[in-house]
Amino acid sequence: EQFLHFAESAAKSGEPIVKPMAMAFPNGGYELVKDQFVLGNTIIVAPVIKKDERSRAVLLPQGKWKADDGNIYVGGKEVVIDVPLSRLPFFERVSK
């Protein structure tokens, strides 16, 4: 139910629920970002895709972003986060 609004929005607009960064944030230079994606237009998911990796860099667009661990990040730059095996990092936009 928490993400039902993504499906409702996609049904109205025809846009996919899961989007590449460049589609959700056009003109942001995210065309080459292949290891993170966007749910709707407000949640960035940044999974670890390399074996034995326990940290990763995440590109965040302008604005303030709240991570799944509660940390707040100022966007418009790359941030490096710790990623234990138990974590699937995601960031929700809290302000532009």
C-alpha atoms as a PDB file:
ATOM      1  CA  GLU A   1       0.000   0.000   0.000  1.00  0.00           C
ATOM      2  CA  GLN A   2       2.865   2.375   0.750  1.00  0.00           C
ATOM      3  CA  PHE A   3       3.868   2.521  -2.914  1.00  0.00           C
ATOM      4  CA  LEU A   4       0.389   2.281  -4.412  1.00  0.00           C
ATOM      5  CA  HIS A   5       0.516   5.959  -5.407  1.00  0.00           C
ATOM      6  CA  PHE A   6       3.388   5.106  -7.823  1.00  0.00           C
ATOM      7  CA  ALA A   7       1.118   2.655  -9.643  1.00  0.00           C
ATOM      8  CA  GLU A   8      -1.763   5.130  -9.724  1.00  0.00           C
ATOM      9  CA  SER A   9       0.483   7.855 -11.120  1.00  0.00           C
ATOM     10  CA  ALA A  10       1.960   5.495 -13.722  1.00  0.00           C
ATOM     11  CA  ALA A  11      -1.534   4.443 -14.827  1.00  0.00           C
ATOM     12  CA  LYS A  12      -2.472   8.085 -15.426  1.00  0.00           C
ATOM     13  CA  SER A  13       0.757   9.305 -17.040  1.00  0.00           C
ATOM     14  CA  GLY A  14       1.936   6.170 -18.822  1.00  0.00           C
ATOM     15  CA  GLU A  15       5.418   6.613 -17.338  1.00  0.00           C
ATOM     16  CA  PRO A  16       7.109   3.589 -15.789  1.00  0.00           C
ATOM     17  CA  ILE A  17       7.249   3.210 -12.017  1.00  0.00           C
ATOM     18  CA  VAL A  18      10.958   2.310 -12.127  1.00  0.00           C
ATOM     19  CA  LYS A  19      12.956   4.826 -14.139  1.00  0.00           C
ATOM     20  CA  PRO A  20      16.562   5.437 -15.070  1.00  0.00           C
ATOM     21  CA  MET A  21      18.075   8.505 -13.432  1.00  0.00           C
ATOM     22  CA  ALA A  22      18.186  10.419 -16.737  1.00  0.00           C
ATOM     23  CA  MET A  23      14.439  10.014 -17.256  1.00  0.00           C
ATOM     24  CA  ALA A  24      13.489  11.165 -13.763  1.00  0.00           C
ATOM     25  CA  PHE A  25      16.009  14.027 -13.717  1.00  0.00           C
ATOM     26  CA  PRO A  26      16.436  15.208 -17.325  1.00  0.00           C
ATOM     27  CA  ASN A  27      19.306  17.534 -18.176  1.00  0.00           C
ATOM     28  CA  GLY A  28      21.108  16.442 -14.999  1.00  0.00           C
ATOM     29  CA  GLY A  29      23.904  14.531 -16.709  1.00  0.00           C
ATOM     30  CA  TYR A  30      22.737  11.151 -15.402  1.00  0.00           C
ATOM     31  CA  GLU A  31      22.748   9.327 -18.751  1.00  0.00           C
ATOM     32  CA  LEU A  32      25.698   7.124 -17.771  1.00  0.00           C
ATOM     33  CA  VAL A  33      24.374   6.176 -14.322  1.00  0.00           C
ATOM     34  CA  LYS A  34      23.485   2.486 -14.619  1.00  0.00           C
ATOM     35  CA  ASP A  35      23.746   1.267 -11.013  1.00  0.00           C
ATOM     36  CA  GLN A  36      20.963   3.264  -9.378  1.00  0.00           C
ATOM     37  CA  PHE A  37      17.344   3.908 -10.340  1.00  0.00           C
ATOM     38  CA  VAL A  38      14.336   5.985  -9.357  1.00  0.00           C
ATOM     39  CA  LEU A  39      10.938   4.922  -8.034  1.00  0.00           C
ATOM     40  CA  GLY A  40       8.375   7.476  -9.101  1.00  0.00           C
ATOM     41  CA  ASN A  41      10.246  10.783  -9.042  1.00  0.00           C
ATOM     42  CA  THR A  42      11.138  10.939  -5.371  1.00  0.00           C
ATOM     43  CA  ILE A  43      12.983   7.780  -4.318  1.00  0.00           C
ATOM     44  CA  ILE A  44      16.464   6.852  -5.542  1.00  0.00           C
ATOM     45  CA  VAL A  45      17.509   3.236  -5.009  1.00  0.00           C
ATOM     46  CA  ALA A  46      21.252   2.533  -5.019  1.00  0.00           C
ATOM     47  CA  PRO A  47      21.947  -1.196  -4.616  1.00  0.00           C
ATOM     48  CA  VAL A  48      25.413  -2.671  -4.326  1.00  0.00           C
ATOM     49  CA  ILE A  49      26.104  -4.609  -7.504  1.00  0.00           C
ATOM     50  CA  LYS A  50      29.740  -5.634  -7.021  1.00  0.00           C
ATOM     51  CA  LYS A  51      30.695  -8.721  -5.056  1.00  0.00           C
ATOM     52  CA  ASP A  52      32.218  -8.030  -1.619  1.00  0.00           C
ATOM     53  CA  GLU A  53      31.615  -4.274  -1.895  1.00  0.00           C
ATOM     54  CA  ARG A  54      30.627  -2.664   1.433  1.00  0.00           C
ATOM     55  CA  SER A  55      30.472   0.992   0.379  1.00  0.00           C
ATOM     56  CA  ARG A  56      29.447   2.808  -2.749  1.00  0.00           C
ATOM     57  CA  ALA A  57      29.140   6.228  -4.340  1.00  0.00           C
ATOM     58  CA  VAL A  58      25.647   7.576  -4.993  1.00  0.00           C
ATOM     59  CA  LEU A  59      24.820  10.519  -7.253  1.00  0.00           C
ATOM     60  CA  LEU A  60      22.085  12.654  -5.725  1.00  0.00           C
ATOM     61  CA  PRO A  61      20.307  15.410  -7.677  1.00  0.00           C
ATOM     62  CA  GLN A  62      19.783  18.873  -6.185  1.00  0.00           C
ATOM     63  CA  GLY A  63      17.749  19.018  -3.001  1.00  0.00           C
ATOM     64  CA  LYS A  64      17.772  17.351   0.387  1.00  0.00           C
ATOM     65  CA  TRP A  65      17.591  13.569   0.532  1.00  0.00           C
ATOM     66  CA  LYS A  66      16.794  11.336   3.497  1.00  0.00           C
ATOM     67  CA  ALA A  67      18.473   7.943   3.393  1.00  0.00           C
ATOM     68  CA  ASP A  68      16.951   4.689   4.595  1.00  0.00           C
ATOM     69  CA  ASP A  69      19.255   4.890   7.644  1.00  0.00           C
ATOM     70  CA  GLY A  70      17.888   8.338   8.599  1.00  0.00           C
ATOM     71  CA  ASN A  71      20.877  10.406   7.460  1.00  0.00           C
ATOM     72  CA  ILE A  72      20.132  13.577   5.498  1.00  0.00           C
ATOM     73  CA  TYR A  73      22.253  14.463   2.464  1.00  0.00           C
ATOM     74  CA  VAL A  74      22.433  17.641   0.416  1.00  0.00           C
ATOM     75  CA  GLY A  75      22.231  16.697  -3.247  1.00  0.00           C
ATOM     76  CA  GLY A  76      23.872  18.053  -6.342  1.00  0.00           C
ATOM     77  CA  LYS A  77      26.894  15.863  -5.724  1.00  0.00           C
ATOM     78  CA  GLU A  78      28.180  12.359  -5.185  1.00  0.00           C
ATOM     79  CA  VAL A  79      28.128  10.903  -1.677  1.00  0.00           C
ATOM     80  CA  VAL A  80      29.871   7.771  -0.442  1.00  0.00           C
ATOM     81  CA  ILE A  81      27.872   5.560   1.907  1.00  0.00           C
ATOM     82  CA  ASP A  82      28.543   2.402   3.910  1.00  0.00           C
ATOM     83  CA  VAL A  83      26.485  -0.554   2.744  1.00  0.00           C
ATOM     84  CA  PRO A  84      26.476  -3.667   4.912  1.00  0.00           C
ATOM     85  CA  LEU A  85      24.943  -6.821   3.448  1.00  0.00           C
ATOM     86  CA  SER A  86      21.711  -6.174   5.329  1.00  0.00           C
ATOM     87  CA  ARG A  87      21.084  -2.805   3.655  1.00  0.00           C
ATOM     88  CA  LEU A  88      19.435  -1.827   0.372  1.00  0.00           C
ATOM     89  CA  PRO A  89      20.169   1.906   0.259  1.00  0.00           C
ATOM     90  CA  PHE A  90      17.485   4.288  -0.873  1.00  0.00           C
ATOM     91  CA  PHE A  91      17.052   8.046  -0.635  1.00  0.00           C
ATOM     92  CA  GLU A  92      13.774   9.937  -0.488  1.00  0.00           C
ATOM     93  CA  ARG A  93      13.662  13.573  -1.562  1.00  0.00           C
ATOM     94  CA  VAL A  94      12.554  15.729   1.357  1.00  0.00           C
ATOM     95  CA  SER A  95      12.951  19.130  -0.332  1.00  0.00           C
ATOM     96  CA  LYS A  96      14.069  20.652  -3.603  1.00  0.00           C
END
